[in-house]
Protein backbone atom coordinates (compact mmCIF):
# COMPACT_ATOMS: atom_id res chain seq x y z
CA MET A 1 195.74 154.50 10.79
CA SER A 2 198.53 156.89 9.80
CA ASN A 3 200.53 159.38 11.82
CA SER A 4 202.59 160.98 9.05
CA PRO A 5 203.22 164.76 9.14
CA GLY A 6 200.65 166.96 7.41
CA ILE A 7 197.11 168.26 7.80
CA ASN A 8 195.26 165.51 9.64
CA VAL A 9 192.05 164.35 7.98
CA VAL A 10 189.42 161.87 9.19
CA ILE A 11 186.88 160.16 6.92
CA VAL A 12 183.45 159.33 8.34
CA ASP A 13 181.56 157.04 5.98
CA ASP A 14 179.83 153.69 6.44
CA HIS A 15 181.01 152.39 3.05
CA LEU A 16 184.43 150.88 3.74
CA LEU A 17 185.54 150.53 0.12
CA PHE A 18 184.70 154.17 -0.59
CA ALA A 19 186.51 155.32 2.57
CA GLU A 20 189.61 153.29 1.70
CA SER A 21 189.67 154.64 -1.86
CA LEU A 22 189.25 158.17 -0.53
CA GLU A 23 192.12 157.64 1.92
CA LYS A 24 194.48 156.55 -0.89
CA LEU A 25 193.49 159.57 -2.93
CA ILE A 26 194.03 162.01 -0.05
CA HIS A 27 197.43 160.51 0.73
CA SER A 28 198.43 161.36 -2.84
CA PHE A 29 197.86 165.06 -2.05
CA THR A 30 200.94 166.82 -0.68
CA GLY A 31 200.52 167.96 2.90
CA PHE A 32 197.54 165.80 3.87
CA ASN A 33 197.31 162.71 6.03
CA VAL A 34 194.36 160.48 6.92
CA LEU A 35 194.37 159.57 10.60
CA TYR A 36 191.58 156.97 10.48
CA HIS A 37 188.08 156.14 9.23
CA ALA A 38 184.89 156.06 11.27
CA LYS A 39 181.72 154.31 10.11
CA ASN A 40 179.25 156.73 11.77
CA GLY A 41 179.02 159.51 14.33
CA VAL A 42 179.15 157.24 17.36
CA ASP A 43 182.25 155.50 16.03
CA LEU A 44 183.80 158.93 15.40
CA GLN A 45 183.13 160.05 18.96
CA GLU A 46 184.81 156.94 20.35
CA LYS A 47 187.86 157.33 18.10
CA ILE A 48 188.26 161.02 18.89
CA LYS A 49 188.17 160.23 22.60
CA SER A 50 190.70 157.39 22.26
CA ASN A 51 193.20 159.28 20.07
CA ASP A 52 195.61 161.97 21.24
CA ILE A 53 195.62 163.72 17.85
CA LEU A 54 192.55 165.68 16.76
CA PRO A 55 191.82 165.92 13.04
CA GLU A 56 191.89 169.37 11.48
CA ILE A 57 189.45 168.40 8.73
CA ILE A 58 186.67 165.81 8.72
CA LEU A 59 185.06 164.51 5.54
CA LEU A 60 181.59 163.64 6.79
CA ASP A 61 179.04 161.48 5.01
CA ILE A 62 175.42 162.50 5.63
CA ASN A 63 173.44 159.27 5.30
CA MET A 64 174.80 156.78 7.83
CA PRO A 65 173.23 154.32 10.26
CA VAL A 66 173.38 154.71 14.07
CA MET A 67 174.35 158.42 13.95
CA ASN A 68 174.00 160.33 10.70
CA GLY A 69 175.91 163.34 9.41
CA HIS A 70 173.38 165.91 10.64
CA ASP A 71 173.57 164.71 14.24
CA THR A 72 177.33 164.24 14.01
CA ILE A 73 178.05 167.79 12.86
CA ILE A 74 175.89 169.19 15.67
CA TRP A 75 177.97 167.17 18.16
CA LEU A 76 181.21 168.35 16.53
CA SER A 77 180.08 172.00 16.58
CA GLU A 78 179.31 171.73 20.28
CA ASN A 79 182.35 169.70 21.35
CA HIS A 80 185.10 170.39 18.78
CA PRO A 81 184.24 173.66 17.02
CA LYS A 82 187.79 174.12 15.68
CA ILE A 83 187.55 170.99 13.51
CA LYS A 84 186.54 171.96 9.98
CA VAL A 85 183.90 169.72 8.43
CA LEU A 86 183.34 169.09 4.74
CA ALA A 87 179.99 167.40 4.16
CA LEU A 88 180.10 164.53 1.68
CA SER A 89 176.96 163.20 0.01
CA MET A 90 175.25 161.84 -3.07
CA GLU A 91 172.41 164.33 -2.47
CA ASP A 92 172.39 167.56 -4.47
CA ASP A 93 169.42 168.94 -2.53
CA GLU A 94 169.08 172.57 -1.41
CA GLU A 95 167.48 171.73 1.96
CA VAL A 96 170.19 169.18 2.80
CA ILE A 97 172.94 171.64 1.83
CA LEU A 98 171.33 174.39 3.92
CA LYS A 99 170.97 172.16 6.96
CA MET A 100 174.63 171.09 6.91
CA LEU A 101 175.92 174.63 6.33
CA CYS A 102 173.72 176.04 9.09
CA ASN A 103 175.02 173.39 11.49
CA GLY A 104 178.64 174.30 10.80
CA ALA A 105 179.88 172.58 7.63
CA LYS A 106 182.61 174.54 5.86
CA GLY A 107 181.66 173.10 2.49
CA TYR A 108 179.52 170.54 0.73
CA LEU A 109 180.91 168.00 -1.72
CA LEU A 110 179.17 165.45 -3.91
CA LYS A 111 180.66 161.96 -3.83
CA ASP A 112 181.20 161.98 -7.59
CA ILE A 113 183.51 164.99 -7.25
CA HIS A 114 186.58 165.00 -9.52
CA PRO A 115 189.83 164.26 -7.61
CA ASP A 116 191.20 167.68 -8.60
CA LYS A 117 188.14 169.34 -7.06
CA LEU A 118 188.55 167.36 -3.84
CA LYS A 119 192.17 168.47 -3.69
CA GLU A 120 191.09 172.06 -4.28
CA ALA A 121 188.46 171.78 -1.54
CA LEU A 122 190.95 170.47 1.02
CA TYR A 123 193.47 173.19 0.23
CA GLU A 124 190.80 175.91 0.39
CA VAL A 125 189.56 174.69 3.76
CA LYS A 126 193.15 174.60 4.97
CA GLU A 127 193.93 178.13 3.74
CA LYS A 128 190.61 179.98 3.95
CA GLY A 129 188.59 177.92 6.40
CA TYR A 130 185.80 177.13 3.94
CA TYR A 131 185.09 175.79 0.45
CA HIS A 132 182.00 176.62 -1.56
CA SER A 133 181.74 174.95 -4.95
CA ASP A 134 180.16 176.38 -8.06
CA LYS A 135 177.29 173.94 -7.52
CA VAL A 136 176.54 175.44 -4.12
CA ALA A 137 176.86 179.19 -4.75
CA ALA A 138 178.66 180.38 -7.88
CA ALA A 139 177.20 183.86 -7.63
CA LEU A 140 178.65 184.33 -4.14
CA LEU A 141 182.30 183.61 -4.90
CA HIS A 142 183.21 187.27 -5.28
CA SER A 143 181.57 188.13 -1.95
CA LEU A 144 183.21 185.22 -0.12
CA ASN A 145 186.67 186.19 -1.36
CA SER A 146 186.26 189.93 -0.74
CA ASP A 147 187.79 191.56 2.32
CA ASN A 148 186.85 195.08 1.31
CA GLU A 149 184.47 196.36 3.98
CA ASN A 150 183.62 199.39 1.85
CA ASP A 151 181.77 197.06 -0.52
CA SER A 152 179.57 195.66 2.27
CA PRO A 153 175.88 196.45 1.74
CA VAL A 154 173.83 198.16 4.44
CA PHE A 155 170.90 196.15 5.79
CA LYS A 156 167.70 197.23 7.48
CA GLU A 157 166.89 195.68 10.87
CA ASN A 158 164.13 193.48 9.41
CA GLU A 159 166.44 192.29 6.61
CA ILE A 160 168.98 191.12 9.19
CA ARG A 161 166.26 189.36 11.17
CA PHE A 162 164.98 187.74 7.99
CA MET A 163 168.48 186.49 7.12
CA LYS A 164 168.90 184.97 10.57
CA LEU A 165 165.59 183.13 10.25
CA ALA A 166 166.47 182.06 6.69
CA CYS A 167 169.45 180.20 8.19
CA SER A 168 167.00 177.92 9.99
CA GLU A 169 164.88 175.11 8.57
CA MET A 170 161.75 177.29 8.57
CA THR A 171 159.81 177.81 5.37
CA TYR A 172 159.25 181.35 4.09
CA LYS A 173 155.64 181.08 5.25
CA GLU A 174 156.78 180.15 8.77
CA ILE A 175 159.28 183.04 8.76
CA ALA A 176 156.43 185.40 7.84
CA SER A 177 154.44 184.13 10.81
CA VAL A 178 157.37 184.57 13.24
CA MET A 179 158.01 188.11 11.98
CA ASN A 180 154.27 188.94 12.04
CA LEU A 181 154.42 189.95 8.39
CA SER A 182 152.53 188.82 5.32
CA PRO A 183 154.10 186.22 2.99
CA LYS A 184 154.06 188.91 0.29
CA THR A 185 156.19 191.22 2.46
CA ILE A 186 158.60 188.37 3.16
CA ASP A 187 158.84 187.68 -0.57
CA GLY A 188 159.76 191.35 -0.98
CA TYR A 189 162.57 191.09 1.62
CA ARG A 190 163.85 187.94 -0.02
CA GLN A 191 163.95 189.44 -3.50
CA GLU A 192 165.49 192.68 -2.26
CA LEU A 193 168.30 190.74 -0.55
CA PHE A 194 168.83 188.54 -3.61
CA ASN A 195 169.22 191.68 -5.72
CA LYS A 196 171.39 193.49 -3.18
CA LEU A 197 173.77 190.54 -2.75
CA GLU A 198 173.62 189.41 -6.39
CA ILE A 199 172.58 185.89 -5.45
CA LYS A 200 169.96 183.58 -6.92
CA ASN A 201 168.71 181.35 -4.11
CA ARG A 202 168.42 180.70 -0.38
CA VAL A 203 171.68 178.74 -0.32
CA GLY A 204 173.49 181.88 -1.44
CA LEU A 205 171.75 183.91 1.26
CA VAL A 206 172.74 181.45 3.98
CA LEU A 207 176.33 181.31 2.76
CA TYR A 208 176.54 185.10 2.88
CA ALA A 209 175.07 185.18 6.40
CA LEU A 210 177.50 182.53 7.64
CA LYS A 211 180.54 184.12 5.99
CA ASN A 212 179.74 187.58 7.33
CA ASP A 213 178.67 186.52 10.84
CA ILE A 214 175.11 187.82 10.38
CA MET A 215 174.00 185.26 12.99
CA MET A 216 176.07 187.14 15.60
CA LEU A 217 174.40 190.53 15.00
């Protein structure tokens, strides 16, 4: 455990050698400090409760025994919403990415990420509050970095409702049922939003909704 000055980071991963290697790497980045490791969500809860210093960023593995990353980020969102979480996984799967982002992750990193990219991710989370890699949503980068409200598209009421439901784990068919619309109509909403936002997939749609607080409308 370290208490050096800097942005405090915690690593949650059940693979000790990986966590230790990651700690050494992060300590080589100026302005960052690893407080401790936790081997799963339960271990993290205990260490947060027993330490006076809260981490500002958590690197969270998804597949862990006892308490996995999905359950852990839900607990963090409910109990420590100010802590920024970067999901860390070997899985490059759209559904897994969506689930973590919808539950509050500020970014999603693959474990084979280049050290320079990890450094970039940590700095972006520190400065902007989020990090979205090319792999997650390249087409959305211009929207995520834009503060010009005049460029914001106008949405119909049903498009906003569709976006909110798209941020869940429901399939498009299930969304159609909830909205009492045909799957063909839902496909039309989806394509219209993809065109309007210049995105290519559901991940991009969810990222836009999260970034622009669509869930709060």
